[in-house]
Amino acid sequence: LNDSKLLSERKRESLFGIIKDKAIAWSIGRAEVEEIDAINILQASLLA
């Protein structure tokens, strides 16, 4: 495990499956383009 930006695409994708399999829980949140434009990127990131 490491910062995703420091891993190769192949390594990230391999770890992606392992994390989903071994983690107790995982979840994804998002903010759409319209929300980014409405509240700015920092606030949209925090919302996600």
All heavy atoms as atom14 arrays in JSON, in Angstrom:
{
  "sequence": "LNDSKLLSERKRESLFGIIKDKAIAWSIGRAEVEEIDAINILQASLLA",
  "atom14_mask": [
    [1, 1, 1, 1, 1, 1, 1, 1, 0, 0, 0, 0, 0, 0],
    [1, 1, 1, 1, 1, 1, 1, 1, 0, 0, 0, 0, 0, 0],
    [1, 1, 1, 1, 1, 1, 1, 1, 0, 0, 0, 0, 0, 0],
    [1, 1, 1, 1, 1, 1, 0, 0, 0, 0, 0, 0, 0, 0],
    [1, 1, 1, 1, 1, 1, 1, 1, 1, 0, 0, 0, 0, 0],
    [1, 1, 1, 1, 1, 1, 1, 1, 0, 0, 0, 0, 0, 0],
    [1, 1, 1, 1, 1, 1, 1, 1, 0, 0, 0, 0, 0, 0],
    [1, 1, 1, 1, 1, 1, 0, 0, 0, 0, 0, 0, 0, 0],
    [1, 1, 1, 1, 1, 1, 1, 1, 1, 0, 0, 0, 0, 0],
    [1, 1, 1, 1, 1, 1, 1, 1, 1, 1, 1, 0, 0, 0],
    [1, 1, 1, 1, 1, 1, 1, 1, 1, 0, 0, 0, 0, 0],
    [1, 1, 1, 1, 1, 1, 1, 1, 1, 1, 1, 0, 0, 0],
    [1, 1, 1, 1, 1, 1, 1, 1, 1, 0, 0, 0, 0, 0],
    [1, 1, 1, 1, 1, 1, 0, 0, 0, 0, 0, 0, 0, 0],
    [1, 1, 1, 1, 1, 1, 1, 1, 0, 0, 0, 0, 0, 0],
    [1, 1, 1, 1, 1, 1, 1, 1, 1, 1, 1, 0, 0, 0],
    [1, 1, 1, 1, 0, 0, 0, 0, 0, 0, 0, 0, 0, 0],
    [1, 1, 1, 1, 1, 1, 1, 1, 0, 0, 0, 0, 0, 0],
    [1, 1, 1, 1, 1, 1, 1, 1, 0, 0, 0, 0, 0, 0],
    [1, 1, 1, 1, 1, 1, 1, 1, 1, 0, 0, 0, 0, 0],
    [1, 1, 1, 1, 1, 1, 1, 1, 0, 0, 0, 0, 0, 0],
    [1, 1, 1, 1, 1, 1, 1, 1, 1, 0, 0, 0, 0, 0],
    [1, 1, 1, 1, 1, 0, 0, 0, 0, 0, 0, 0, 0, 0],
    [1, 1, 1, 1, 1, 1, 1, 1, 0, 0, 0, 0, 0, 0],
    [1, 1, 1, 1, 1, 0, 0, 0, 0, 0, 0, 0, 0, 0],
    [1, 1, 1, 1, 1, 1, 1, 1, 1, 1, 1, 1, 1, 1],
    [1, 1, 1, 1, 1, 1, 0, 0, 0, 0, 0, 0, 0, 0],
    [1, 1, 1, 1, 1, 1, 1, 1, 0, 0, 0, 0, 0, 0],
    [1, 1, 1, 1, 0, 0, 0, 0, 0, 0, 0, 0, 0, 0],
    [1, 1, 1, 1, 1, 1, 1, 1, 1, 1, 1, 0, 0, 0],
    [1, 1, 1, 1, 1, 0, 0, 0, 0, 0, 0, 0, 0, 0],
    [1, 1, 1, 1, 1, 1, 1, 1, 1, 0, 0, 0, 0, 0],
    [1, 1, 1, 1, 1, 1, 1, 0, 0, 0, 0, 0, 0, 0],
    [1, 1, 1, 1, 1, 1, 1, 1, 1, 0, 0, 0, 0, 0],
    [1, 1, 1, 1, 1, 1, 1, 1, 1, 0, 0, 0, 0, 0],
    [1, 1, 1, 1, 1, 1, 1, 1, 0, 0, 0, 0, 0, 0],
    [1, 1, 1, 1, 1, 1, 1, 1, 0, 0, 0, 0, 0, 0],
    [1, 1, 1, 1, 1, 0, 0, 0, 0, 0, 0, 0, 0, 0],
    [1, 1, 1, 1, 1, 1, 1, 1, 0, 0, 0, 0, 0, 0],
    [1, 1, 1, 1, 1, 1, 1, 1, 0, 0, 0, 0, 0, 0],
    [1, 1, 1, 1, 1, 1, 1, 1, 0, 0, 0, 0, 0, 0],
    [1, 1, 1, 1, 1, 1, 1, 1, 0, 0, 0, 0, 0, 0],
    [1, 1, 1, 1, 1, 1, 1, 1, 1, 0, 0, 0, 0, 0],
    [1, 1, 1, 1, 1, 0, 0, 0, 0, 0, 0, 0, 0, 0],
    [1, 1, 1, 1, 1, 1, 0, 0, 0, 0, 0, 0, 0, 0],
    [1, 1, 1, 1, 1, 1, 1, 1, 0, 0, 0, 0, 0, 0],
    [1, 1, 1, 1, 1, 1, 1, 1, 0, 0, 0, 0, 0, 0],
    [1, 1, 1, 1, 1, 0, 0, 0, 0, 0, 0, 0, 0, 0]
  ],
  "atom14_positions": [
    [[0.83, -1.2, 0.0], [0.0, 0.0, 0.0], [0.87, 1.25, 0.0], [1.87, 1.33, 0.71], [-0.93, 0.01, 1.22], [-2.03, -1.06, 1.25], [-2.77, -1.0, 2.57], [-2.99, -0.89, 0.09], [0.0, 0.0, 0.0], [0.0, 0.0, 0.0], [0.0, 0.0, 0.0], [0.0, 0.0, 0.0], [0.0, 0.0, 0.0], [0.0, 0.0, 0.0]],
    [[0.45, 2.23, -0.79], [1.18, 3.5, -0.85], [0.27, 4.53, -1.51], [-0.83, 4.2, -1.97], [2.47, 3.33, -1.67], [3.5, 4.41, -1.37], [3.19, 5.44, -0.75], [4.73, 4.2, -1.8], [0.0, 0.0, 0.0], [0.0, 0.0, 0.0], [0.0, 0.0, 0.0], [0.0, 0.0, 0.0], [0.0, 0.0, 0.0], [0.0, 0.0, 0.0]],
    [[0.72, 5.75, -1.56], [0.02, 6.8, -2.29], [-0.22, 6.3, -3.71], [0.71, 5.87, -4.4], [0.89, 8.06, -2.28], [0.33, 9.18, -3.13], [-0.78, 9.04, -3.68], [1.03, 10.21, -3.24], [0.0, 0.0, 0.0], [0.0, 0.0, 0.0], [0.0, 0.0, 0.0], [0.0, 0.0, 0.0], [0.0, 0.0, 0.0], [0.0, 0.0, 0.0]],
    [[-1.46, 6.36, -4.16], [-1.81, 5.81, -5.47], [-0.99, 6.44, -6.6], [-0.71, 5.79, -7.61], [-3.3, 5.99, -5.75], [-3.65, 7.37, -5.76], [0.0, 0.0, 0.0], [0.0, 0.0, 0.0], [0.0, 0.0, 0.0], [0.0, 0.0, 0.0], [0.0, 0.0, 0.0], [0.0, 0.0, 0.0], [0.0, 0.0, 0.0], [0.0, 0.0, 0.0]],
    [[-0.6, 7.71, -6.43], [0.16, 8.4, -7.48], [1.57, 7.85, -7.62], [2.22, 8.06, -8.64], [0.21, 9.91, -7.18], [-1.14, 10.6, -7.18], [-1.02, 12.1, -7.0], [-0.47, 12.47, -5.63], [-1.37, 12.08, -4.52], [0.0, 0.0, 0.0], [0.0, 0.0, 0.0], [0.0, 0.0, 0.0], [0.0, 0.0, 0.0], [0.0, 0.0, 0.0]],
    [[2.06, 7.15, -6.6], [3.41, 6.6, -6.63], [3.43, 5.15, -7.11], [4.51, 4.55, -7.2], [4.03, 6.68, -5.22], [4.13, 8.09, -4.61], [4.74, 8.02, -3.22], [4.97, 9.0, -5.52], [0.0, 0.0, 0.0], [0.0, 0.0, 0.0], [0.0, 0.0, 0.0], [0.0, 0.0, 0.0], [0.0, 0.0, 0.0], [0.0, 0.0, 0.0]],
    [[2.28, 4.61, -7.42], [2.17, 3.23, -7.89], [1.9, 3.19, -9.38], [1.27, 4.09, -9.94], [1.04, 2.51, -7.14], [1.15, 2.43, -5.62], [-0.14, 1.89, -5.04], [2.33, 1.55, -5.21], [0.0, 0.0, 0.0], [0.0, 0.0, 0.0], [0.0, 0.0, 0.0], [0.0, 0.0, 0.0], [0.0, 0.0, 0.0], [0.0, 0.0, 0.0]],
    [[2.35, 2.13, -10.02], [2.04, 1.95, -11.43], [0.55, 1.63, -11.58], [-0.11, 1.19, -10.63], [2.86, 0.81, -12.02], [2.45, -0.44, -11.47], [0.0, 0.0, 0.0], [0.0, 0.0, 0.0], [0.0, 0.0, 0.0], [0.0, 0.0, 0.0], [0.0, 0.0, 0.0], [0.0, 0.0, 0.0], [0.0, 0.0, 0.0], [0.0, 0.0, 0.0]],
    [[0.03, 1.84, -12.78], [-1.38, 1.54, -13.03], [-1.68, 0.07, -12.75], [-2.7, -0.26, -12.15], [-1.74, 1.88, -14.47], [-3.2, 1.66, -14.81], [-3.55, 2.07, -16.23], [-2.65, 2.57, -16.94], [-4.7, 1.87, -16.64], [0.0, 0.0, 0.0], [0.0, 0.0, 0.0], [0.0, 0.0, 0.0], [0.0, 0.0, 0.0], [0.0, 0.0, 0.0]],
    [[-0.79, -0.81, -13.16], [-1.0, -2.24, -12.94], [-1.03, -2.57, -11.44], [-1.87, -3.35, -11.0], [0.11, -3.04, -13.62], [0.0, -4.54, -13.41], [1.09, -5.3, -14.15], [0.9, -5.22, -15.59], [1.68, -5.85, -16.47], [2.71, -6.58, -16.03], [1.45, -5.75, -17.76], [0.0, 0.0, 0.0], [0.0, 0.0, 0.0], [0.0, 0.0, 0.0]],
    [[-0.12, -1.96, -10.68], [-0.07, -2.22, -9.23], [-1.33, -1.68, -8.56], [-1.9, -2.33, -7.67], [1.18, -1.56, -8.64], [1.38, -1.82, -7.16], [1.61, -3.3, -6.88], [1.97, -3.54, -5.42], [2.15, -4.98, -5.12], [0.0, 0.0, 0.0], [0.0, 0.0, 0.0], [0.0, 0.0, 0.0], [0.0, 0.0, 0.0], [0.0, 0.0, 0.0]],
    [[-1.76, -0.48, -8.96], [-2.99, 0.09, -8.39], [-4.19, -0.83, -8.62], [-4.98, -1.09, -7.7], [-3.29, 1.47, -9.0], [-2.42, 2.59, -8.52], [-3.03, 3.94, -8.86], [-3.23, 4.13, -10.29], [-2.36, 4.72, -11.09], [-1.21, 5.15, -10.64], [-2.65, 4.89, -12.39], [0.0, 0.0, 0.0], [0.0, 0.0, 0.0], [0.0, 0.0, 0.0]],
    [[-4.31, -1.31, -9.84], [-5.47, -2.13, -10.16], [-5.42, -3.46, -9.43], [-6.46, -4.0, -9.03], [-5.54, -2.34, -11.67], [-5.91, -1.05, -12.41], [-5.97, -1.23, -13.91], [-5.53, -2.31, -14.39], [-6.43, -0.3, -14.6], [0.0, 0.0, 0.0], [0.0, 0.0, 0.0], [0.0, 0.0, 0.0], [0.0, 0.0, 0.0], [0.0, 0.0, 0.0]],
    [[-4.23, -4.01, -9.23], [-4.08, -5.24, -8.46], [-4.49, -5.02, -7.01], [-5.26, -5.8, -6.42], [-2.64, -5.74, -8.53], [-2.43, -6.84, -7.67], [0.0, 0.0, 0.0], [0.0, 0.0, 0.0], [0.0, 0.0, 0.0], [0.0, 0.0, 0.0], [0.0, 0.0, 0.0], [0.0, 0.0, 0.0], [0.0, 0.0, 0.0], [0.0, 0.0, 0.0]],
    [[-3.99, -3.92, -6.41], [-4.32, -3.62, -5.02], [-5.8, -3.26, -4.85], [-6.39, -3.53, -3.81], [-3.45, -2.47, -4.51], [-2.0, -2.84, -4.22], [-1.15, -1.59, -4.01], [-1.91, -3.75, -2.99], [0.0, 0.0, 0.0], [0.0, 0.0, 0.0], [0.0, 0.0, 0.0], [0.0, 0.0, 0.0], [0.0, 0.0, 0.0], [0.0, 0.0, 0.0]],
    [[-6.38, -2.66, -5.87], [-7.8, -2.3, -5.85], [-8.66, -3.53, -5.52], [-9.52, -3.49, -4.63], [-8.18, -1.73, -7.22], [-9.62, -1.31, -7.35], [-10.07, -0.12, -6.81], [-10.52, -2.09, -8.07], [-11.39, 0.29, -6.96], [-11.83, -1.7, -8.23], [-12.28, -0.51, -7.67], [0.0, 0.0, 0.0], [0.0, 0.0, 0.0], [0.0, 0.0, 0.0]],
    [[-8.41, -4.63, -6.2], [-9.16, -5.85, -5.95], [-8.87, -6.45, -4.59], [-9.78, -6.93, -3.9], [0.0, 0.0, 0.0], [0.0, 0.0, 0.0], [0.0, 0.0, 0.0], [0.0, 0.0, 0.0], [0.0, 0.0, 0.0], [0.0, 0.0, 0.0], [0.0, 0.0, 0.0], [0.0, 0.0, 0.0], [0.0, 0.0, 0.0], [0.0, 0.0, 0.0]],
    [[-7.61, -6.39, -4.18], [-7.23, -6.94, -2.88], [-7.87, -6.15, -1.74], [-8.36, -6.72, -0.76], [-5.69, -6.95, -2.73], [-5.08, -7.91, -3.75], [-5.28, -7.34, -1.31], [-3.56, -7.82, -3.84], [0.0, 0.0, 0.0], [0.0, 0.0, 0.0], [0.0, 0.0, 0.0], [0.0, 0.0, 0.0], [0.0, 0.0, 0.0], [0.0, 0.0, 0.0]],
    [[-7.85, -4.83, -1.86], [-8.45, -3.98, -0.83], [-9.93, -4.27, -0.69], [-10.45, -4.44, 0.43], [-8.22, -2.48, -1.15], [-6.74, -2.13, -1.08], [-9.02, -1.59, -0.18], [-6.38, -0.82, -1.74], [0.0, 0.0, 0.0], [0.0, 0.0, 0.0], [0.0, 0.0, 0.0], [0.0, 0.0, 0.0], [0.0, 0.0, 0.0], [0.0, 0.0, 0.0]],
    [[-10.64, -4.33, -1.79], [-12.08, -4.6, -1.74], [-12.36, -5.96, -1.12], [-13.37, -6.13, -0.43], [-12.68, -4.51, -3.15], [-12.71, -3.11, -3.71], [-13.68, -2.97, -4.88], [-13.31, -3.86, -6.02], [-14.27, -3.71, -7.16], [0.0, 0.0, 0.0], [0.0, 0.0, 0.0], [0.0, 0.0, 0.0], [0.0, 0.0, 0.0], [0.0, 0.0, 0.0]],
    [[-11.48, -6.92, -1.35], [-11.67, -8.27, -0.8], [-11.35, -8.34, 0.68], [-12.06, -9.0, 1.44], [-10.78, -9.24, -1.58], [-10.88, -10.66, -1.03], [-12.0, -11.21, -1.01], [-9.84, -11.22, -0.62], [0.0, 0.0, 0.0], [0.0, 0.0, 0.0], [0.0, 0.0, 0.0], [0.0, 0.0, 0.0], [0.0, 0.0, 0.0], [0.0, 0.0, 0.0]],
    [[-10.3, -7.64, 1.11], [-9.82, -7.8, 2.49], [-10.34, -6.74, 3.47], [-10.3, -6.96, 4.69], [-8.28, -7.79, 2.51], [-7.65, -9.04, 1.92], [-6.16, -9.06, 2.18], [-5.52, -10.38, 1.75], [-4.08, -10.43, 2.1], [0.0, 0.0, 0.0], [0.0, 0.0, 0.0], [0.0, 0.0, 0.0], [0.0, 0.0, 0.0], [0.0, 0.0, 0.0]],
    [[-10.77, -5.61, 2.98], [-11.21, -4.54, 3.88], [-12.47, -4.94, 4.63], [-13.32, -5.68, 4.12], [-11.45, -3.27, 3.09], [0.0, 0.0, 0.0], [0.0, 0.0, 0.0], [0.0, 0.0, 0.0], [0.0, 0.0, 0.0], [0.0, 0.0, 0.0], [0.0, 0.0, 0.0], [0.0, 0.0, 0.0], [0.0, 0.0, 0.0], [0.0, 0.0, 0.0]],
    [[-12.61, -4.43, 5.84], [-13.83, -4.64, 6.62], [-14.98, -3.86, 5.98], [-16.11, -4.34, 5.91], [-13.61, -4.2, 8.07], [-12.68, -5.22, 8.76], [-14.93, -4.07, 8.83], [-12.25, -4.83, 10.15], [0.0, 0.0, 0.0], [0.0, 0.0, 0.0], [0.0, 0.0, 0.0], [0.0, 0.0, 0.0], [0.0, 0.0, 0.0], [0.0, 0.0, 0.0]],
    [[-14.67, -2.67, 5.49], [-15.68, -1.86, 4.8], [-14.98, -0.84, 3.91], [-13.87, -0.4, 4.22], [-16.58, -1.15, 5.8], [0.0, 0.0, 0.0], [0.0, 0.0, 0.0], [0.0, 0.0, 0.0], [0.0, 0.0, 0.0], [0.0, 0.0, 0.0], [0.0, 0.0, 0.0], [0.0, 0.0, 0.0], [0.0, 0.0, 0.0], [0.0, 0.0, 0.0]],
    [[-15.62, -0.5, 2.81], [-15.11, 0.57, 1.94], [-16.29, 1.24, 1.25], [-17.35, 0.64, 1.07], [-14.1, 0.04, 0.92], [-14.66, -0.94, -0.06], [-14.77, -2.29, 0.11], [-15.2, -0.67, -1.36], [-15.34, -2.87, -0.99], [-15.61, -1.9, -1.92], [-15.37, 0.5, -2.1], [-16.19, -1.99, -3.17], [-15.94, 0.41, -3.36], [-16.34, -0.83, -3.88]],
    [[-16.08, 2.49, 0.89], [-17.17, 3.24, 0.28], [-16.58, 4.35, -0.59], [-15.48, 4.84, -0.33], [-18.06, 3.85, 1.36], [-19.03, 4.71, 0.8], [0.0, 0.0, 0.0], [0.0, 0.0, 0.0], [0.0, 0.0, 0.0], [0.0, 0.0, 0.0], [0.0, 0.0, 0.0], [0.0, 0.0, 0.0], [0.0, 0.0, 0.0], [0.0, 0.0, 0.0]],
    [[-17.34, 4.73, -1.61], [-16.93, 5.82, -2.49], [-17.96, 6.94, -2.42], [-19.17, 6.68, -2.45], [-16.8, 5.33, -3.95], [-15.64, 4.34, -4.06], [-16.59, 6.51, -4.9], [-15.56, 3.63, -5.37], [0.0, 0.0, 0.0], [0.0, 0.0, 0.0], [0.0, 0.0, 0.0], [0.0, 0.0, 0.0], [0.0, 0.0, 0.0], [0.0, 0.0, 0.0]],
    [[-17.49, 8.16, -2.3], [-18.36, 9.33, -2.34], [-17.92, 10.21, -3.5], [-16.77, 10.13, -3.94], [0.0, 0.0, 0.0], [0.0, 0.0, 0.0], [0.0, 0.0, 0.0], [0.0, 0.0, 0.0], [0.0, 0.0, 0.0], [0.0, 0.0, 0.0], [0.0, 0.0, 0.0], [0.0, 0.0, 0.0], [0.0, 0.0, 0.0], [0.0, 0.0, 0.0]],
    [[-18.8, 11.03, -3.98], [-18.47, 11.84, -5.15], [-19.2, 13.17, -5.11], [-20.21, 13.33, -4.45], [-18.84, 11.1, -6.43], [-20.29, 10.67, -6.48], [-20.57, 9.67, -7.6], [-20.31, 10.21, -8.91], [-19.54, 9.63, -9.84], [-18.96, 8.47, -9.59], [-19.36, 10.2, -11.02], [0.0, 0.0, 0.0], [0.0, 0.0, 0.0], [0.0, 0.0, 0.0]],
    [[-18.65, 14.12, -5.85], [-19.33, 15.38, -6.1], [-19.23, 15.6, -7.6], [-18.14, 15.5, -8.18], [-18.69, 16.53, -5.33], [0.0, 0.0, 0.0], [0.0, 0.0, 0.0], [0.0, 0.0, 0.0], [0.0, 0.0, 0.0], [0.0, 0.0, 0.0], [0.0, 0.0, 0.0], [0.0, 0.0, 0.0], [0.0, 0.0, 0.0], [0.0, 0.0, 0.0]],
    [[-20.35, 15.89, -8.22], [-20.4, 16.02, -9.67], [-19.93, 17.41, -10.12], [-19.74, 18.32, -9.32], [-21.82, 15.76, -10.16], [-22.39, 14.4, -9.74], [-21.61, 13.22, -10.31], [-20.82, 13.41, -11.26], [-21.8, 12.1, -9.81], [0.0, 0.0, 0.0], [0.0, 0.0, 0.0], [0.0, 0.0, 0.0], [0.0, 0.0, 0.0], [0.0, 0.0, 0.0]],
    [[-19.74, 17.52, -11.42], [-19.24, 18.77, -12.01], [-20.11, 19.97, -11.62], [-19.59, 21.04, -11.29], [-19.18, 18.64, -13.55], [-18.89, 19.99, -14.19], [-18.12, 17.62, -13.95], [0.0, 0.0, 0.0], [0.0, 0.0, 0.0], [0.0, 0.0, 0.0], [0.0, 0.0, 0.0], [0.0, 0.0, 0.0], [0.0, 0.0, 0.0], [0.0, 0.0, 0.0]],
    [[-21.42, 19.78, -11.65], [-22.34, 20.88, -11.3], [-22.13, 21.34, -9.85], [-22.22, 22.53, -9.55], [-23.79, 20.44, -11.5], [-24.18, 20.13, -12.93], [-23.71, 18.75, -13.41], [-23.23, 17.95, -12.58], [-23.83, 18.49, -14.62], [0.0, 0.0, 0.0], [0.0, 0.0, 0.0], [0.0, 0.0, 0.0], [0.0, 0.0, 0.0], [0.0, 0.0, 0.0]],
    [[-21.85, 20.39, -8.97], [-21.6, 20.74, -7.57], [-20.26, 21.44, -7.42], [-20.12, 22.39, -6.63], [-21.65, 19.48, -6.71], [-23.04, 18.85, -6.65], [-23.06, 17.53, -5.91], [-22.31, 16.62, -6.3], [-23.82, 17.4, -4.94], [0.0, 0.0, 0.0], [0.0, 0.0, 0.0], [0.0, 0.0, 0.0], [0.0, 0.0, 0.0], [0.0, 0.0, 0.0]],
    [[-19.26, 20.99, -8.16], [-17.95, 21.64, -8.13], [-18.07, 23.1, -8.55], [-17.52, 24.0, -7.91], [-16.96, 20.89, -9.05], [-16.68, 19.49, -8.51], [-15.66, 21.69, -9.2], [-15.92, 18.59, -9.46], [0.0, 0.0, 0.0], [0.0, 0.0, 0.0], [0.0, 0.0, 0.0], [0.0, 0.0, 0.0], [0.0, 0.0, 0.0], [0.0, 0.0, 0.0]],
    [[-18.81, 23.33, -9.63], [-18.98, 24.7, -10.12], [-19.8, 25.56, -9.16], [-19.6, 26.77, -9.08], [-19.66, 24.68, -11.49], [-18.73, 24.19, -12.6], [-17.49, 24.29, -12.42], [-19.24, 23.71, -13.62], [0.0, 0.0, 0.0], [0.0, 0.0, 0.0], [0.0, 0.0, 0.0], [0.0, 0.0, 0.0], [0.0, 0.0, 0.0], [0.0, 0.0, 0.0]],
    [[-20.7, 24.93, -8.43], [-21.58, 25.69, -7.53], [-20.92, 26.05, -6.21], [-21.13, 27.15, -5.69], [-22.86, 24.89, -7.27], [0.0, 0.0, 0.0], [0.0, 0.0, 0.0], [0.0, 0.0, 0.0], [0.0, 0.0, 0.0], [0.0, 0.0, 0.0], [0.0, 0.0, 0.0], [0.0, 0.0, 0.0], [0.0, 0.0, 0.0], [0.0, 0.0, 0.0]],
    [[-20.09, 25.15, -5.65], [-19.58, 25.38, -4.29], [-18.05, 25.47, -4.22], [-17.51, 25.64, -3.14], [-20.09, 24.31, -3.31], [-19.61, 22.91, -3.72], [-21.62, 24.35, -3.23], [-20.0, 21.81, -2.73], [0.0, 0.0, 0.0], [0.0, 0.0, 0.0], [0.0, 0.0, 0.0], [0.0, 0.0, 0.0], [0.0, 0.0, 0.0], [0.0, 0.0, 0.0]],
    [[-17.36, 25.32, -5.3], [-15.9, 25.32, -5.48], [-15.31, 23.94, -5.2], [-15.91, 23.11, -4.52], [-15.18, 26.46, -4.72], [-15.01, 26.21, -3.23], [-14.62, 25.14, -2.78], [-15.3, 27.26, -2.43], [0.0, 0.0, 0.0], [0.0, 0.0, 0.0], [0.0, 0.0, 0.0], [0.0, 0.0, 0.0], [0.0, 0.0, 0.0], [0.0, 0.0, 0.0]],
    [[-14.12, 23.71, -5.72], [-13.54, 22.37, -5.7], [-13.17, 21.9, -4.3], [-13.3, 20.71, -3.99], [-12.3, 22.3, -6.64], [-11.77, 20.87, -6.75], [-11.23, 23.27, -6.2], [-12.77, 19.85, -7.26], [0.0, 0.0, 0.0], [0.0, 0.0, 0.0], [0.0, 0.0, 0.0], [0.0, 0.0, 0.0], [0.0, 0.0, 0.0], [0.0, 0.0, 0.0]],
    [[-12.72, 22.8, -3.43], [-12.38, 22.37, -2.07], [-13.63, 21.87, -1.35], [-13.62, 20.78, -0.76], [-11.74, 23.52, -1.28], [-11.5, 23.23, 0.21], [-10.62, 22.0, 0.4], [-10.9, 24.45, 0.91], [0.0, 0.0, 0.0], [0.0, 0.0, 0.0], [0.0, 0.0, 0.0], [0.0, 0.0, 0.0], [0.0, 0.0, 0.0], [0.0, 0.0, 0.0]],
    [[-14.7, 22.66, -1.38], [-15.92, 22.25, -0.69], [-16.51, 20.99, -1.33], [-17.07, 20.13, -0.62], [-16.94, 23.39, -0.73], [-16.52, 24.62, 0.06], [-16.16, 24.29, 1.5], [-16.86, 23.54, 2.18], [-15.05, 24.87, 1.98], [0.0, 0.0, 0.0], [0.0, 0.0, 0.0], [0.0, 0.0, 0.0], [0.0, 0.0, 0.0], [0.0, 0.0, 0.0]],
    [[-16.38, 20.86, -2.64], [-16.87, 19.65, -3.31], [-16.06, 18.42, -2.88], [-16.61, 17.33, -2.7], [-16.8, 19.82, -4.82], [0.0, 0.0, 0.0], [0.0, 0.0, 0.0], [0.0, 0.0, 0.0], [0.0, 0.0, 0.0], [0.0, 0.0, 0.0], [0.0, 0.0, 0.0], [0.0, 0.0, 0.0], [0.0, 0.0, 0.0], [0.0, 0.0, 0.0]],
    [[-14.76, 18.6, -2.69], [-13.91, 17.51, -2.22], [-14.32, 17.06, -0.82], [-14.4, 15.86, -0.52], [-12.44, 17.94, -2.21], [-12.0, 18.27, -3.5], [0.0, 0.0, 0.0], [0.0, 0.0, 0.0], [0.0, 0.0, 0.0], [0.0, 0.0, 0.0], [0.0, 0.0, 0.0], [0.0, 0.0, 0.0], [0.0, 0.0, 0.0], [0.0, 0.0, 0.0]],
    [[-14.58, 18.03, 0.04], [-15.01, 17.72, 1.41], [-16.38, 17.05, 1.4], [-16.64, 16.14, 2.2], [-15.04, 18.99, 2.25], [-13.69, 19.69, 2.45], [-13.86, 20.99, 3.23], [-12.7, 18.77, 3.15], [0.0, 0.0, 0.0], [0.0, 0.0, 0.0], [0.0, 0.0, 0.0], [0.0, 0.0, 0.0], [0.0, 0.0, 0.0], [0.0, 0.0, 0.0]],
    [[-17.24, 17.47, 0.49], [-18.56, 16.85, 0.36], [-18.42, 15.4, -0.08], [-19.11, 14.51, 0.45], [-19.41, 17.63, -0.63], [-20.82, 17.11, -0.91], [-21.66, 17.08, 0.36], [-21.5, 17.96, -1.98], [0.0, 0.0, 0.0], [0.0, 0.0, 0.0], [0.0, 0.0, 0.0], [0.0, 0.0, 0.0], [0.0, 0.0, 0.0], [0.0, 0.0, 0.0]],
    [[-17.53, 15.14, -1.03], [-17.29, 13.77, -1.49], [-16.76, 12.9, -0.35], [-17.17, 11.74, -0.18], [-16.32, 13.77, -2.65], [0.0, 0.0, 0.0], [0.0, 0.0, 0.0], [0.0, 0.0, 0.0], [0.0, 0.0, 0.0], [0.0, 0.0, 0.0], [0.0, 0.0, 0.0], [0.0, 0.0, 0.0], [0.0, 0.0, 0.0], [0.0, 0.0, 0.0]]
  ]
}
